[in-house]
Amino acid sequence: MIDSTINMLGKDNGTLAETLVALGKKHSTYGVKPEYFPFMTESIVSMMKTKLGSDFSPKEEDAWVEVFNVLIEDIISAQNALSIEEAAKNKATVAATWGQFSKIHNYEEVGGAVLFSQ
């Protein structure tokens, strides 16, 4: 989904906005809270650093963090528009997933791999 979203940047802002609203609603129904998103950003950036090594400069890191922050802002806006009842539908799934992450000492290094292996 991240790949699809990134590929929409600057091309079709209407579809991108719809996609981000849908993502916000989906994440909300799973019980993902806005404060969880920085961990996702950290994890993905850490994975990029590991995989790209010296080809991933601090300037590129800053750019990716900025991109994720903009996307996350729209996702969170969509989450805030949902009812509490709808947001609680799949809370157990997310609680179990984040419970597993909390047991991983170096979650920021492996979290992205875990997220994208699903």
N, C-alpha and C. Protein backbone atom coordinates (compact mmCIF):
# COMPACT_ATOMS: atom_id res chain seq x y z
N MET A 1 0.82 -1.19 0.00
CA MET A 1 0.00 0.00 0.00
C MET A 1 0.86 1.25 0.00
N ILE A 2 1.97 1.21 0.72
CA ILE A 2 2.87 2.36 0.76
C ILE A 2 3.39 2.64 -0.64
N ASP A 3 3.78 1.60 -1.36
CA ASP A 3 4.28 1.76 -2.72
C ASP A 3 3.24 2.43 -3.61
N SER A 4 2.00 1.95 -3.54
CA SER A 4 0.92 2.54 -4.34
C SER A 4 0.71 4.01 -3.99
N THR A 5 0.73 4.30 -2.70
CA THR A 5 0.52 5.67 -2.25
C THR A 5 1.64 6.58 -2.72
N ILE A 6 2.86 6.14 -2.56
CA ILE A 6 4.02 6.93 -2.98
C ILE A 6 3.97 7.19 -4.48
N ASN A 7 3.56 6.18 -5.25
CA ASN A 7 3.49 6.34 -6.70
C ASN A 7 2.41 7.32 -7.14
N MET A 8 1.44 7.61 -6.28
CA MET A 8 0.38 8.57 -6.60
C MET A 8 0.81 10.01 -6.35
N LEU A 9 1.87 10.21 -5.57
CA LEU A 9 2.27 11.57 -5.21
C LEU A 9 2.51 12.42 -6.45
N GLY A 10 1.85 13.56 -6.50
CA GLY A 10 2.03 14.50 -7.59
C GLY A 10 1.34 14.13 -8.89
N LYS A 11 0.72 12.96 -8.95
CA LYS A 11 0.09 12.51 -10.19
C LYS A 11 -1.42 12.66 -10.15
N ASP A 12 -2.02 12.17 -9.11
CA ASP A 12 -3.47 12.16 -9.02
C ASP A 12 -3.87 12.45 -7.58
N ASN A 13 -3.90 13.72 -7.24
CA ASN A 13 -4.15 14.10 -5.85
C ASN A 13 -5.54 13.71 -5.37
N GLY A 14 -6.51 13.65 -6.27
CA GLY A 14 -7.85 13.22 -5.88
C GLY A 14 -7.86 11.78 -5.43
N THR A 15 -7.25 10.92 -6.23
CA THR A 15 -7.17 9.50 -5.88
C THR A 15 -6.31 9.30 -4.64
N LEU A 16 -5.24 10.06 -4.53
CA LEU A 16 -4.38 9.97 -3.35
C LEU A 16 -5.16 10.34 -2.09
N ALA A 17 -5.93 11.41 -2.15
CA ALA A 17 -6.72 11.82 -1.00
C ALA A 17 -7.73 10.74 -0.62
N GLU A 18 -8.39 10.15 -1.61
CA GLU A 18 -9.35 9.07 -1.35
C GLU A 18 -8.65 7.87 -0.73
N THR A 19 -7.48 7.56 -1.24
CA THR A 19 -6.71 6.42 -0.72
C THR A 19 -6.32 6.66 0.73
N LEU A 20 -5.88 7.87 1.05
CA LEU A 20 -5.48 8.18 2.42
C LEU A 20 -6.66 8.16 3.38
N VAL A 21 -7.81 8.62 2.91
CA VAL A 21 -9.03 8.55 3.74
C VAL A 21 -9.36 7.09 4.02
N ALA A 22 -9.31 6.26 2.97
CA ALA A 22 -9.59 4.83 3.14
C ALA A 22 -8.60 4.18 4.10
N LEU A 23 -7.32 4.55 3.97
CA LEU A 23 -6.30 4.01 4.87
C LEU A 23 -6.56 4.44 6.31
N GLY A 24 -6.93 5.69 6.48
CA GLY A 24 -7.24 6.19 7.82
C GLY A 24 -8.38 5.42 8.45
N LYS A 25 -9.43 5.20 7.67
CA LYS A 25 -10.58 4.46 8.19
C LYS A 25 -10.20 3.02 8.50
N LYS A 26 -9.45 2.40 7.59
CA LYS A 26 -9.03 1.01 7.79
C LYS A 26 -8.18 0.88 9.06
N HIS A 27 -7.18 1.75 9.20
CA HIS A 27 -6.32 1.69 10.37
C HIS A 27 -7.11 1.95 11.65
N SER A 28 -8.07 2.83 11.57
CA SER A 28 -8.88 3.13 12.74
C SER A 28 -9.71 1.92 13.16
N THR A 29 -10.28 1.20 12.18
CA THR A 29 -11.07 0.03 12.54
C THR A 29 -10.21 -1.07 13.14
N TYR A 30 -8.90 -1.03 12.86
CA TYR A 30 -7.99 -1.99 13.48
C TYR A 30 -7.53 -1.52 14.86
N GLY A 31 -7.92 -0.31 15.25
CA GLY A 31 -7.52 0.20 16.57
C GLY A 31 -6.19 0.91 16.57
N VAL A 32 -5.64 1.21 15.39
CA VAL A 32 -4.36 1.92 15.32
C VAL A 32 -4.59 3.36 15.75
N LYS A 33 -3.84 3.79 16.73
CA LYS A 33 -3.97 5.14 17.25
C LYS A 33 -2.98 6.07 16.54
N PRO A 34 -3.31 7.35 16.46
CA PRO A 34 -2.40 8.30 15.80
C PRO A 34 -0.97 8.26 16.34
N GLU A 35 -0.84 8.01 17.63
CA GLU A 35 0.51 8.01 18.21
C GLU A 35 1.36 6.81 17.78
N TYR A 36 0.74 5.82 17.11
CA TYR A 36 1.50 4.67 16.63
C TYR A 36 2.28 4.98 15.34
N PHE A 37 1.80 5.96 14.57
CA PHE A 37 2.39 6.20 13.26
C PHE A 37 3.87 6.60 13.28
N PRO A 38 4.33 7.39 14.25
CA PRO A 38 5.77 7.68 14.26
C PRO A 38 6.63 6.42 14.36
N PHE A 39 6.13 5.38 15.04
CA PHE A 39 6.88 4.13 15.12
C PHE A 39 6.97 3.48 13.74
N MET A 40 5.89 3.57 12.96
CA MET A 40 5.91 3.03 11.61
C MET A 40 6.96 3.77 10.78
N THR A 41 6.96 5.10 10.88
CA THR A 41 7.93 5.89 10.13
C THR A 41 9.34 5.52 10.54
N GLU A 42 9.60 5.44 11.83
CA GLU A 42 10.93 5.06 12.33
C GLU A 42 11.34 3.70 11.78
N SER A 43 10.43 2.77 11.81
CA SER A 43 10.72 1.41 11.38
C SER A 43 11.03 1.35 9.88
N ILE A 44 10.23 2.04 9.09
CA ILE A 44 10.45 2.02 7.64
C ILE A 44 11.76 2.71 7.29
N VAL A 45 12.02 3.86 7.91
CA VAL A 45 13.27 4.58 7.64
C VAL A 45 14.47 3.76 8.08
N SER A 46 14.36 3.09 9.22
CA SER A 46 15.45 2.24 9.69
C SER A 46 15.71 1.10 8.71
N MET A 47 14.63 0.52 8.19
CA MET A 47 14.77 -0.56 7.22
C MET A 47 15.45 -0.04 5.94
N MET A 48 15.06 1.16 5.51
CA MET A 48 15.67 1.74 4.31
C MET A 48 17.17 1.98 4.54
N LYS A 49 17.53 2.48 5.71
CA LYS A 49 18.94 2.71 6.05
C LYS A 49 19.72 1.41 5.99
N THR A 50 19.13 0.37 6.58
CA THR A 50 19.80 -0.94 6.61
C THR A 50 19.98 -1.50 5.21
N LYS A 51 18.94 -1.44 4.41
CA LYS A 51 18.99 -2.02 3.07
C LYS A 51 19.83 -1.20 2.10
N LEU A 52 19.80 0.14 2.22
CA LEU A 52 20.49 1.00 1.26
C LEU A 52 21.88 1.43 1.71
N GLY A 53 22.14 1.30 3.00
CA GLY A 53 23.46 1.64 3.52
C GLY A 53 23.87 3.07 3.19
N SER A 54 25.06 3.22 2.64
CA SER A 54 25.60 4.55 2.34
C SER A 54 24.86 5.24 1.20
N ASP A 55 24.01 4.51 0.47
CA ASP A 55 23.22 5.12 -0.59
C ASP A 55 22.00 5.87 -0.04
N PHE A 56 21.80 5.79 1.26
CA PHE A 56 20.67 6.48 1.90
C PHE A 56 21.23 7.61 2.75
N SER A 57 21.27 8.80 2.19
CA SER A 57 21.88 9.95 2.84
C SER A 57 20.94 10.56 3.89
N PRO A 58 21.51 11.35 4.79
CA PRO A 58 20.67 12.05 5.77
C PRO A 58 19.63 12.96 5.09
N LYS A 59 19.98 13.55 3.98
CA LYS A 59 19.03 14.40 3.24
C LYS A 59 17.86 13.56 2.73
N GLU A 60 18.15 12.38 2.21
CA GLU A 60 17.09 11.48 1.75
C GLU A 60 16.24 11.01 2.91
N GLU A 61 16.87 10.72 4.03
CA GLU A 61 16.13 10.31 5.22
C GLU A 61 15.14 11.40 5.62
N ASP A 62 15.62 12.64 5.68
CA ASP A 62 14.75 13.76 6.05
C ASP A 62 13.58 13.89 5.07
N ALA A 63 13.86 13.69 3.78
CA ALA A 63 12.81 13.80 2.77
C ALA A 63 11.75 12.72 2.97
N TRP A 64 12.18 11.48 3.24
CA TRP A 64 11.22 10.39 3.45
C TRP A 64 10.40 10.63 4.70
N VAL A 65 11.03 11.10 5.76
CA VAL A 65 10.29 11.39 6.99
C VAL A 65 9.23 12.46 6.71
N GLU A 66 9.59 13.47 5.94
CA GLU A 66 8.64 14.53 5.60
C GLU A 66 7.47 13.97 4.78
N VAL A 67 7.77 13.11 3.81
CA VAL A 67 6.71 12.49 3.00
C VAL A 67 5.77 11.69 3.89
N PHE A 68 6.32 10.85 4.76
CA PHE A 68 5.47 10.05 5.64
C PHE A 68 4.65 10.94 6.58
N ASN A 69 5.24 12.02 7.07
CA ASN A 69 4.50 12.91 7.96
C ASN A 69 3.30 13.54 7.26
N VAL A 70 3.47 13.92 6.01
CA VAL A 70 2.35 14.50 5.25
C VAL A 70 1.27 13.46 5.03
N LEU A 71 1.66 12.26 4.63
CA LEU A 71 0.69 11.19 4.41
C LEU A 71 -0.04 10.83 5.71
N ILE A 72 0.72 10.73 6.77
CA ILE A 72 0.15 10.38 8.07
C ILE A 72 -0.84 11.44 8.56
N GLU A 73 -0.55 12.69 8.29
CA GLU A 73 -1.47 13.77 8.68
C GLU A 73 -2.85 13.55 8.06
N ASP A 74 -2.89 13.19 6.79
CA ASP A 74 -4.17 12.93 6.13
C ASP A 74 -4.84 11.66 6.65
N ILE A 75 -4.04 10.65 6.92
CA ILE A 75 -4.59 9.40 7.45
C ILE A 75 -5.23 9.65 8.82
N ILE A 76 -4.56 10.41 9.66
CA ILE A 76 -5.07 10.71 11.00
C ILE A 76 -6.33 11.55 10.91
N SER A 77 -6.38 12.47 9.97
CA SER A 77 -7.60 13.28 9.79
C SER A 77 -8.80 12.38 9.49
N ALA A 78 -8.58 11.39 8.64
CA ALA A 78 -9.66 10.45 8.32
C ALA A 78 -10.05 9.63 9.54
N GLN A 79 -9.05 9.23 10.32
CA GLN A 79 -9.34 8.46 11.53
C GLN A 79 -10.23 9.25 12.48
N ASN A 80 -9.93 10.51 12.61
CA ASN A 80 -10.67 11.35 13.55
C ASN A 80 -12.13 11.52 13.15
N ALA A 81 -12.44 11.24 11.90
CA ALA A 81 -13.81 11.40 11.42
C ALA A 81 -14.69 10.17 11.71
N LEU A 82 -14.10 9.10 12.17
CA LEU A 82 -14.87 7.87 12.40
C LEU A 82 -15.48 7.83 13.80
N SER A 83 -16.52 7.05 13.92
CA SER A 83 -17.14 6.87 15.22
C SER A 83 -16.30 5.92 16.07
N ILE A 84 -16.42 6.03 17.35
CA ILE A 84 -15.70 5.16 18.28
C ILE A 84 -16.10 3.71 18.07
N GLU A 85 -17.37 3.48 17.85
CA GLU A 85 -17.85 2.11 17.66
C GLU A 85 -17.20 1.46 16.43
N GLU A 86 -17.15 2.18 15.34
CA GLU A 86 -16.54 1.64 14.12
C GLU A 86 -15.04 1.42 14.32
N ALA A 87 -14.40 2.33 15.03
CA ALA A 87 -12.96 2.23 15.23
C ALA A 87 -12.57 1.03 16.09
N ALA A 88 -13.49 0.49 16.87
CA ALA A 88 -13.17 -0.61 17.78
C ALA A 88 -13.37 -1.99 17.16
N LYS A 89 -13.82 -2.07 15.92
CA LYS A 89 -14.17 -3.36 15.31
C LYS A 89 -13.05 -4.39 15.36
N ASN A 90 -11.87 -4.01 14.98
CA ASN A 90 -10.77 -4.98 14.90
C ASN A 90 -9.65 -4.66 15.89
N LYS A 91 -10.01 -4.10 17.00
CA LYS A 91 -9.03 -3.69 18.00
C LYS A 91 -8.16 -4.86 18.48
N ALA A 92 -8.74 -6.03 18.61
CA ALA A 92 -7.98 -7.19 19.10
C ALA A 92 -6.83 -7.54 18.16
N THR A 93 -7.04 -7.41 16.86
CA THR A 93 -5.99 -7.72 15.88
C THR A 93 -4.79 -6.80 16.08
N VAL A 94 -5.06 -5.51 16.20
CA VAL A 94 -3.97 -4.55 16.36
C VAL A 94 -3.30 -4.71 17.71
N ALA A 95 -4.08 -4.95 18.74
CA ALA A 95 -3.51 -5.13 20.08
C ALA A 95 -2.53 -6.30 20.08
N ALA A 96 -2.89 -7.38 19.39
CA ALA A 96 -2.01 -8.54 19.32
C ALA A 96 -0.74 -8.21 18.54
N THR A 97 -0.89 -7.51 17.41
CA THR A 97 0.27 -7.15 16.58
C THR A 97 1.22 -6.25 17.35
N TRP A 98 0.69 -5.18 17.93
CA TRP A 98 1.54 -4.25 18.67
C TRP A 98 2.09 -4.91 19.93
N GLY A 99 1.35 -5.87 20.48
CA GLY A 99 1.87 -6.63 21.62
C GLY A 99 3.11 -7.40 21.23
N GLN A 100 3.10 -7.95 20.02
CA GLN A 100 4.28 -8.67 19.52
C GLN A 100 5.44 -7.71 19.32
N PHE A 101 5.17 -6.54 18.74
CA PHE A 101 6.24 -5.55 18.54
C PHE A 101 6.86 -5.13 19.86
N SER A 102 6.04 -5.01 20.90
CA SER A 102 6.57 -4.55 22.17
C SER A 102 7.56 -5.54 22.78
N LYS A 103 7.54 -6.79 22.32
CA LYS A 103 8.45 -7.81 22.83
C LYS A 103 9.76 -7.86 22.04
N ILE A 104 9.82 -7.15 20.93
CA ILE A 104 11.02 -7.16 20.08
C ILE A 104 11.93 -6.03 20.53
N HIS A 105 13.12 -6.38 21.00
CA HIS A 105 14.06 -5.39 21.52
C HIS A 105 14.43 -4.36 20.46
N ASN A 106 14.68 -4.79 19.25
CA ASN A 106 15.11 -3.89 18.19
C ASN A 106 14.01 -3.70 17.15
N TYR A 107 12.79 -3.40 17.63
CA TYR A 107 11.63 -3.31 16.74
C TYR A 107 11.86 -2.33 15.59
N GLU A 108 12.61 -1.25 15.84
CA GLU A 108 12.80 -0.26 14.78
C GLU A 108 13.62 -0.81 13.62
N GLU A 109 14.38 -1.87 13.86
CA GLU A 109 15.16 -2.49 12.79
C GLU A 109 14.37 -3.55 12.05
N VAL A 110 13.51 -4.26 12.74
CA VAL A 110 12.80 -5.38 12.11
C VAL A 110 11.33 -5.11 11.89
N GLY A 111 10.79 -4.05 12.49
CA GLY A 111 9.36 -3.77 12.37
C GLY A 111 8.90 -3.62 10.94
N GLY A 112 9.66 -2.90 10.12
CA GLY A 112 9.29 -2.71 8.72
C GLY A 112 9.21 -4.04 7.99
N ALA A 113 10.17 -4.90 8.25
CA ALA A 113 10.16 -6.22 7.60
C ALA A 113 8.95 -7.03 8.04
N VAL A 114 8.60 -6.93 9.31
CA VAL A 114 7.43 -7.66 9.82
C VAL A 114 6.16 -7.09 9.19
N LEU A 115 6.05 -5.77 9.16
CA LEU A 115 4.86 -5.13 8.59
C LEU A 115 4.67 -5.50 7.13
N PHE A 116 5.76 -5.53 6.37
CA PHE A 116 5.65 -5.75 4.93
C PHE A 116 5.66 -7.22 4.55
N SER A 117 5.82 -8.10 5.51
CA SER A 117 5.79 -9.52 5.18
C SER A 117 4.37 -10.06 5.27
N GLN A 118 3.45 -9.25 5.78
CA GLN A 118 2.06 -9.68 5.95
C GLN A 118 1.34 -9.75 4.63
